[in-house]
Amino acid sequence: MNTIELQQTLPEVFAGRDGIVSDVWHQQVAFQKGKMYLIEAASGTGKSSLCSFIYGYRTDYQGIITFDGENVRKLTVKQWTDIRKRSLSMLFQELRLFGELTAWENVQLKNGLTGFCRKQQVKDWFEQLGIADKWDVKVGKMSYGQQQRVAFVRMLCQPADFFFLDEPVSHLDDGNGQIMARILKEEAARQGAGVIVTSIGKHLPLEYDRVLSL
């Protein structure tokens, strides 16, 4: 996948609103593989909706979303499965980790399906992110910031044309945010992937090619 494009897209819940001013909604905007984008948003502007539309688990929007020119509404379940396994990797704001499983078990759920990363690579990322001692700790007993880092590592355990991160540093200090940014930049460069980051204030410190206001 080389291009994600939104054409006059708008959440249906916003359909009755007048005077929407946005760089994304009701616009034609394209995200290109290999580029980095920051989407700045205030609460209630549809940030999480955007993530769910692009990932394909919500369809309550007007307009068109395309992957390389193909309307995503026409994609089959198998095509979506392949896209989520090989092309689009997402770090959800709500993380979607299993609290009863350890940090490593949560990561391995994905890595076991993709076989993308060596166990030592995962350990190295845990070490860099300061959570090496949480390897065998159940996620439910970890702080939210620690959980964010586990979910981030899990996101990296697959091939991707685009990494989509929804508020990835909301509970991280600046130091860990910089480490996360460095790892992401390295991995995106290695795969030639695009990066799309959302933020309602504090954002991942990257050199963005374009900043958009939702």
Protein backbone atom coordinates (compact mmCIF):
# COMPACT_ATOMS: atom_id res chain seq x y z
CA MET A 1 0.00 0.00 0.00
CA ASN A 2 1.41 3.35 -1.07
CA THR A 3 -1.40 5.85 -0.48
CA ILE A 4 -4.27 6.31 1.95
CA GLU A 5 -6.66 8.97 0.67
CA LEU A 6 -9.71 10.64 2.20
CA GLN A 7 -12.16 12.25 -0.21
CA GLN A 8 -14.75 14.54 1.40
CA THR A 9 -14.85 12.19 4.38
CA LEU A 10 -16.89 13.15 7.44
CA PRO A 11 -18.25 11.21 10.42
CA GLU A 12 -22.00 10.83 10.04
CA VAL A 13 -22.48 12.24 13.53
CA PHE A 14 -21.03 15.54 12.24
CA ALA A 15 -23.30 15.68 9.19
CA GLY A 16 -25.63 18.28 10.69
CA ARG A 17 -22.88 20.62 11.84
CA ASP A 18 -22.30 23.85 9.98
CA GLY A 19 -18.97 25.58 9.53
CA ILE A 20 -16.63 22.65 10.17
CA VAL A 21 -13.07 23.90 9.72
CA SER A 22 -10.60 21.05 9.27
CA ASP A 23 -7.58 20.01 7.21
CA VAL A 24 -9.01 16.47 7.10
CA TRP A 25 -12.81 16.40 7.28
CA HIS A 26 -14.61 17.39 4.08
CA GLN A 27 -11.25 17.72 2.33
CA GLN A 28 -9.20 15.69 -0.11
CA VAL A 29 -6.08 14.59 1.72
CA ALA A 30 -3.58 11.84 0.93
CA PHE A 31 -1.09 10.09 3.19
CA GLN A 32 1.93 8.77 1.31
CA LYS A 33 4.10 5.80 2.23
CA GLY A 34 7.48 6.95 3.54
CA LYS A 35 6.16 10.27 4.90
CA MET A 36 5.40 11.34 8.47
CA TYR A 37 2.17 13.08 9.43
CA LEU A 38 0.90 14.65 12.64
CA ILE A 39 -2.84 15.13 13.07
CA GLU A 40 -3.54 17.63 15.83
CA ALA A 41 -7.01 17.50 17.31
CA ALA A 42 -9.12 18.89 20.10
CA SER A 43 -11.41 16.59 22.07
CA GLY A 44 -14.62 15.85 20.21
CA THR A 45 -13.28 16.50 16.71
CA GLY A 46 -13.41 12.85 15.62
CA LYS A 47 -9.83 11.73 16.17
CA SER A 48 -10.68 8.22 17.35
CA SER A 49 -13.35 7.99 14.64
CA LEU A 50 -10.70 8.69 12.02
CA CYS A 51 -8.56 5.84 13.35
CA SER A 52 -11.48 3.43 13.33
CA PHE A 53 -12.54 4.43 9.80
CA ILE A 54 -9.06 3.86 8.38
CA TYR A 55 -8.64 0.57 10.25
CA GLY A 56 -11.99 -0.59 8.90
CA TYR A 57 -13.99 -1.47 11.98
CA ARG A 58 -16.37 1.48 11.64
CA THR A 59 -18.14 2.61 8.48
CA ASP A 60 -20.42 5.36 9.81
CA TYR A 61 -18.92 8.11 7.66
CA GLN A 62 -19.77 10.06 4.55
CA GLY A 63 -17.39 10.38 1.60
CA ILE A 64 -14.73 7.95 0.46
CA ILE A 65 -11.59 6.41 1.92
CA THR A 66 -9.28 4.62 -0.50
CA PHE A 67 -6.16 2.48 -0.28
CA ASP A 68 -4.18 2.90 -3.53
CA GLY A 69 -7.35 4.12 -5.22
CA GLU A 70 -9.61 1.28 -4.06
CA ASN A 71 -12.65 2.23 -1.99
CA VAL A 72 -12.26 0.48 1.36
CA ARG A 73 -16.01 -0.15 1.55
CA LYS A 74 -15.49 -2.74 -1.20
CA LEU A 75 -12.81 -4.70 0.63
CA THR A 76 -13.64 -8.27 1.66
CA VAL A 77 -13.00 -9.66 5.14
CA LYS A 78 -9.99 -11.55 3.78
CA GLN A 79 -8.58 -8.37 2.22
CA TRP A 80 -8.98 -6.50 5.51
CA THR A 81 -7.25 -9.34 7.34
CA ASP A 82 -4.31 -9.20 4.94
CA ILE A 83 -4.09 -5.38 5.21
CA ARG A 84 -4.05 -5.49 9.00
CA LYS A 85 -1.43 -8.23 8.95
CA ARG A 86 0.93 -6.84 6.31
CA SER A 87 0.20 -3.20 5.51
CA LEU A 88 -1.40 -1.26 8.36
CA SER A 89 -0.28 -1.48 11.98
CA MET A 90 -2.10 0.54 14.60
CA LEU A 91 -1.39 1.61 18.17
CA PHE A 92 -4.84 2.26 19.61
CA GLN A 93 -5.42 4.96 22.20
CA GLU A 94 -7.14 2.38 24.41
CA LEU A 95 -4.19 -0.01 23.77
CA ARG A 96 -6.31 -3.21 23.61
CA LEU A 97 -3.96 -5.27 25.73
CA PHE A 98 -4.99 -8.33 27.76
CA GLY A 99 -4.56 -7.49 31.43
CA GLU A 100 -4.37 -11.12 32.54
CA LEU A 101 -1.42 -11.82 30.21
CA THR A 102 2.19 -10.76 30.73
CA ALA A 103 3.87 -8.07 28.66
CA TRP A 104 5.70 -10.67 26.56
CA GLU A 105 2.55 -12.77 26.10
CA ASN A 106 0.69 -9.73 24.78
CA VAL A 107 3.43 -9.02 22.26
CA GLN A 108 3.75 -12.66 21.29
CA LEU A 109 0.05 -12.87 20.44
CA LYS A 110 0.82 -10.74 17.40
CA ASN A 111 4.38 -11.82 16.75
CA GLY A 112 3.31 -15.45 16.81
CA LEU A 113 0.92 -14.72 13.93
CA THR A 114 3.38 -12.71 11.87
CA GLY A 115 6.72 -14.27 12.82
CA PHE A 116 8.15 -10.86 12.04
CA CYS A 117 10.50 -10.19 14.97
CA ARG A 118 13.06 -12.30 16.75
CA LYS A 119 12.53 -12.63 20.47
CA GLN A 120 15.87 -10.89 21.06
CA GLN A 121 14.67 -7.89 19.07
CA VAL A 122 11.62 -7.60 21.31
CA LYS A 123 13.85 -7.86 24.37
CA ASP A 124 16.07 -5.09 22.99
CA TRP A 125 13.06 -2.80 22.53
CA PHE A 126 11.86 -3.57 26.06
CA GLU A 127 15.32 -2.68 27.34
CA GLN A 128 15.48 0.60 25.42
CA LEU A 129 12.02 1.58 26.61
CA GLY A 130 12.80 0.86 30.25
CA ILE A 131 10.38 -2.03 30.70
CA ALA A 132 12.76 -5.00 30.57
CA ASP A 133 11.83 -5.83 34.17
CA LYS A 134 8.15 -6.06 33.15
CA TRP A 135 8.70 -8.92 30.69
CA ASP A 136 6.89 -11.50 32.86
CA VAL A 137 4.60 -9.08 34.67
CA LYS A 138 0.88 -9.17 33.95
CA VAL A 139 -0.14 -6.05 32.05
CA GLY A 140 -3.02 -5.42 34.45
CA LYS A 141 -0.45 -4.72 37.18
CA MET A 142 1.49 -2.19 35.11
CA SER A 143 1.08 1.59 34.92
CA TYR A 144 -0.65 3.05 31.86
CA GLY A 145 2.62 4.49 30.59
CA GLN A 146 4.25 1.06 30.82
CA GLN A 147 1.29 -0.45 29.02
CA GLN A 148 1.66 2.15 26.24
CA ARG A 149 5.23 0.98 25.68
CA VAL A 150 4.17 -2.68 25.55
CA ALA A 151 1.46 -1.85 23.00
CA PHE A 152 4.01 0.13 20.99
CA VAL A 153 6.37 -2.86 20.79
CA ARG A 154 3.46 -5.08 19.80
CA MET A 155 2.63 -2.65 16.97
CA LEU A 156 6.16 -3.08 15.59
CA CYS A 157 5.85 -6.87 15.38
CA GLN A 158 4.51 -6.99 11.85
CA PRO A 159 5.40 -5.70 8.39
CA ALA A 160 3.75 -2.36 7.64
CA ASP A 161 3.37 0.21 4.91
CA PHE A 162 1.85 2.59 7.47
CA PHE A 163 2.15 2.87 11.24
CA PHE A 164 -0.85 4.64 12.78
CA LEU A 165 -0.41 5.80 16.39
CA ASP A 166 -3.33 7.32 18.30
CA GLU A 167 -2.01 9.51 21.14
CA PRO A 168 1.03 7.27 21.76
CA VAL A 169 2.76 9.43 24.41
CA SER A 170 -0.18 10.68 26.47
CA HIS A 171 1.21 9.02 29.61
CA LEU A 172 4.95 9.08 28.87
CA ASP A 173 7.65 11.46 30.05
CA ASP A 174 9.72 13.31 27.46
CA GLY A 175 12.63 10.88 27.73
CA ASN A 176 10.57 7.81 26.92
CA GLY A 177 8.76 9.74 24.20
CA GLN A 178 12.09 10.49 22.53
CA ILE A 179 13.14 6.84 22.75
CA MET A 180 9.84 5.74 21.23
CA ALA A 181 10.26 8.30 18.43
CA ARG A 182 13.78 7.07 17.67
CA ILE A 183 12.73 3.42 17.51
CA LEU A 184 9.74 4.27 15.32
CA LYS A 185 11.86 6.39 12.97
CA GLU A 186 14.37 3.57 12.60
CA GLU A 187 11.73 0.93 11.94
CA ALA A 188 9.77 3.14 9.52
CA ALA A 189 12.97 3.87 7.60
CA ARG A 190 13.87 0.18 7.48
CA GLN A 191 10.49 -0.70 5.97
CA GLY A 192 9.97 2.50 4.00
CA ALA A 193 6.73 2.94 5.92
CA GLY A 194 4.59 6.00 6.43
CA VAL A 195 3.77 7.23 9.94
CA ILE A 196 0.51 8.89 11.02
CA VAL A 197 0.37 10.20 14.60
CA THR A 198 -2.59 11.82 16.35
CA SER A 199 -2.33 14.19 19.29
CA ILE A 200 -4.56 16.38 21.44
CA GLY A 201 -1.55 18.23 22.85
CA LYS A 202 1.65 16.40 23.67
CA HIS A 203 2.95 14.64 20.57
CA LEU A 204 5.62 12.20 19.51
CA PRO A 205 8.80 14.20 18.70
CA LEU A 206 9.38 13.42 15.02
CA GLU A 207 10.29 15.48 11.96
CA TYR A 208 6.86 15.57 10.35
CA ASP A 209 6.45 16.15 6.64
CA ARG A 210 3.00 17.61 7.21
CA VAL A 211 0.96 18.74 10.23
CA LEU A 212 -2.81 18.75 9.86
CA SER A 213 -5.51 20.11 12.13
CA LEU A 214 -8.51 17.84 12.53
